[in-house]
Each structure stands twice: as C-alpha cells, then as structure tokens.
Amino acid sequence: MSDIKRIDVGARMSQAVVHGNTVYTAGQVALRAPGASVAEQTKDILARIDELLAEAGTSKEKLLIATIWLSDMAGFNEMNEVWDAWVVPGATPGRACVESKLAAPQFTVEIQVIAAL
C-alpha cells in the first residue's frame, strides 16, 4: 500500500494529501485577501495552490482537474482573467466552475485541484 503524505494537517482537514502519484488539495479560499475583489481572491488562492503543489513535489504544469466555486457567477469573467494568466498553456486541466454559497460571506471564490506528481 502506498504511503500517504498530509500537508498542513489540521483538526478538520489537511490542506493537501499525496497518495501514490497524485496530489489532492482541499478547497482553498483567500485567507490572505478575504473580502477583496474576485480577482484578488483568485490570485491569493492560486498562489497558495502553487505553494501546496511545490511542497508536495509538483507544480501547476501537472494539474489534472480543478473545481472552482464562485459565490456569484457575475465574477466568472473576472476570475477567468486571473485563471487564464496563471494556468500553463497546453497543460490546462479539466475544470468545472459552479455558483455556490461559500463558507463565509467574505469569500467569493474557492478552488480545489488534483495534480500528478
């Protein structure tokens, strides 16, 4: 059986889990920019995802899938501008984006990714 590596383990969840050749992140919200614009929250989240992937031993070039939750689809284009500048051309993951009520009103974006090592 493969070893399981957990990153930033908390009482409720780990921020990332590595199993086999795959990294799974928890849904990330803008902890460094709560209440900021959709674009600023997206930038903050993607920077955190970069950090988690690096700690796991991989990077955004190896993304497999992303799930994005927006508190209001009116922010879809604003989020996509930041996303499109961040993702690696030719290595874009599968992706879903839906509108959903998030954990707290100051959060407008949440992103979870799965990547290969």
Protein backbone atom coordinates (compact mmCIF):
# COMPACT_ATOMS: atom_id res chain seq x y z
CA MET A 1 0.00 0.00 0.00
CA SER A 2 1.24 3.48 -0.85
CA ASP A 3 2.28 5.87 1.86
CA ILE A 4 0.05 8.86 2.43
CA LYS A 5 1.64 12.28 2.97
CA ARG A 6 -0.50 15.01 4.50
CA ILE A 7 0.41 18.71 4.21
CA ASP A 8 -0.71 21.40 6.66
CA VAL A 9 -2.69 18.97 8.78
CA GLY A 10 -5.45 20.50 10.86
CA ALA A 11 -8.10 19.17 13.20
CA ARG A 12 -10.73 19.19 10.44
CA MET A 13 -8.74 18.68 7.23
CA SER A 14 -5.34 18.60 5.59
CA GLN A 15 -4.67 21.31 3.02
CA ALA A 16 -3.19 18.72 0.64
CA VAL A 17 -2.86 14.95 0.60
CA VAL A 18 -0.39 12.99 -1.53
CA HIS A 19 -1.24 9.38 -2.30
CA GLY A 20 0.56 7.37 -4.93
CA ASN A 21 1.41 9.73 -7.76
CA THR A 22 -1.47 12.12 -7.10
CA VAL A 23 -1.89 15.30 -5.03
CA TYR A 24 -5.33 16.35 -3.82
CA THR A 25 -5.80 19.82 -2.34
CA ALA A 26 -8.59 20.92 -0.06
CA GLY A 27 -10.73 23.73 -1.36
CA GLN A 28 -8.66 26.89 -0.99
CA VAL A 29 -10.10 30.29 -0.10
CA ALA A 30 -8.40 33.68 0.07
CA LEU A 31 -7.14 33.69 3.65
CA ARG A 32 -4.66 36.48 2.85
CA ALA A 33 -7.24 38.57 0.97
CA PRO A 34 -10.70 37.91 2.44
CA GLY A 35 -13.28 40.43 1.30
CA ALA A 36 -11.11 41.56 -1.61
CA SER A 37 -12.25 41.54 -5.25
CA VAL A 38 -12.84 38.27 -7.09
CA ALA A 39 -9.57 38.85 -8.98
CA GLU A 40 -7.55 39.46 -5.80
CA GLN A 41 -9.07 36.45 -4.08
CA THR A 42 -8.32 34.29 -7.11
CA LYS A 43 -4.69 35.48 -7.18
CA ASP A 44 -4.32 34.69 -3.48
CA ILE A 45 -5.84 31.23 -3.88
CA LEU A 46 -3.68 30.35 -6.90
CA ALA A 47 -0.54 31.46 -5.05
CA ARG A 48 -1.50 29.16 -2.17
CA ILE A 49 -2.13 26.31 -4.61
CA ASP A 50 1.35 26.91 -6.10
CA GLU A 51 2.81 26.64 -2.57
CA LEU A 52 0.94 23.44 -1.75
CA LEU A 53 1.86 21.80 -5.04
CA ALA A 54 5.53 22.74 -4.56
CA GLU A 55 5.52 21.29 -1.06
CA ALA A 56 4.03 18.10 -2.46
CA GLY A 57 6.74 17.93 -5.13
CA THR A 58 4.81 19.01 -8.21
CA SER A 59 3.50 22.14 -9.96
CA LYS A 60 0.62 23.59 -11.95
CA GLU A 61 2.10 22.10 -15.12
CA LYS A 62 0.82 18.74 -13.85
CA LEU A 63 -2.74 19.73 -12.96
CA LEU A 64 -5.30 17.08 -13.81
CA ILE A 65 -8.54 18.73 -12.74
CA ALA A 66 -9.79 21.86 -11.00
CA THR A 67 -13.09 22.64 -9.36
CA ILE A 68 -13.99 26.29 -8.85
CA TRP A 69 -16.84 27.61 -6.76
CA LEU A 70 -17.99 31.23 -7.11
CA SER A 71 -20.42 32.84 -4.70
CA ASP A 72 -21.87 34.71 -7.70
CA MET A 73 -21.38 33.83 -11.37
CA ALA A 74 -21.19 37.58 -12.07
CA GLY A 75 -17.50 37.16 -11.08
CA PHE A 76 -16.87 34.45 -13.70
CA ASN A 77 -15.05 36.67 -16.22
CA GLU A 78 -13.00 38.39 -13.51
CA MET A 79 -11.91 35.03 -12.09
CA ASN A 80 -11.14 33.69 -15.59
CA GLU A 81 -8.82 36.62 -16.38
CA VAL A 82 -6.63 35.65 -13.42
CA TRP A 83 -7.00 31.91 -14.06
CA ASP A 84 -6.05 32.25 -17.75
CA ALA A 85 -2.89 34.22 -16.85
CA TRP A 86 -1.91 31.57 -14.26
CA VAL A 87 -2.56 28.25 -15.98
CA VAL A 88 0.12 26.82 -18.27
CA PRO A 89 -0.85 26.92 -21.98
CA GLY A 90 -1.09 23.41 -23.36
CA ALA A 91 -1.29 21.93 -19.83
CA THR A 92 -4.74 23.13 -18.84
CA PRO A 93 -6.64 20.75 -16.54
CA GLY A 94 -10.17 19.50 -16.80
CA ARG A 95 -12.28 22.06 -14.97
CA ALA A 96 -15.71 22.68 -13.50
CA CYS A 97 -16.97 26.04 -12.27
CA VAL A 98 -20.24 26.45 -10.39
CA GLU A 99 -22.06 29.03 -8.32
CA SER A 100 -22.39 28.07 -4.67
CA LYS A 101 -22.82 29.62 -1.27
CA LEU A 102 -19.34 29.52 0.34
CA ALA A 103 -18.36 29.01 3.99
CA ALA A 104 -18.35 32.71 4.88
CA PRO A 105 -19.65 35.84 3.12
CA GLN A 106 -16.17 37.40 2.73
CA PHE A 107 -15.16 34.55 0.39
CA THR A 108 -16.22 34.84 -3.25
CA VAL A 109 -14.01 32.12 -4.74
CA GLU A 110 -12.90 28.64 -3.69
CA ILE A 111 -10.65 26.37 -5.78
CA GLN A 112 -9.63 22.74 -5.38
CA VAL A 113 -7.18 20.95 -7.65
CA ILE A 114 -5.86 17.46 -8.25
CA ALA A 115 -2.39 17.11 -9.79
CA ALA A 116 0.05 14.39 -10.76
CA LEU A 117 3.47 14.20 -9.15
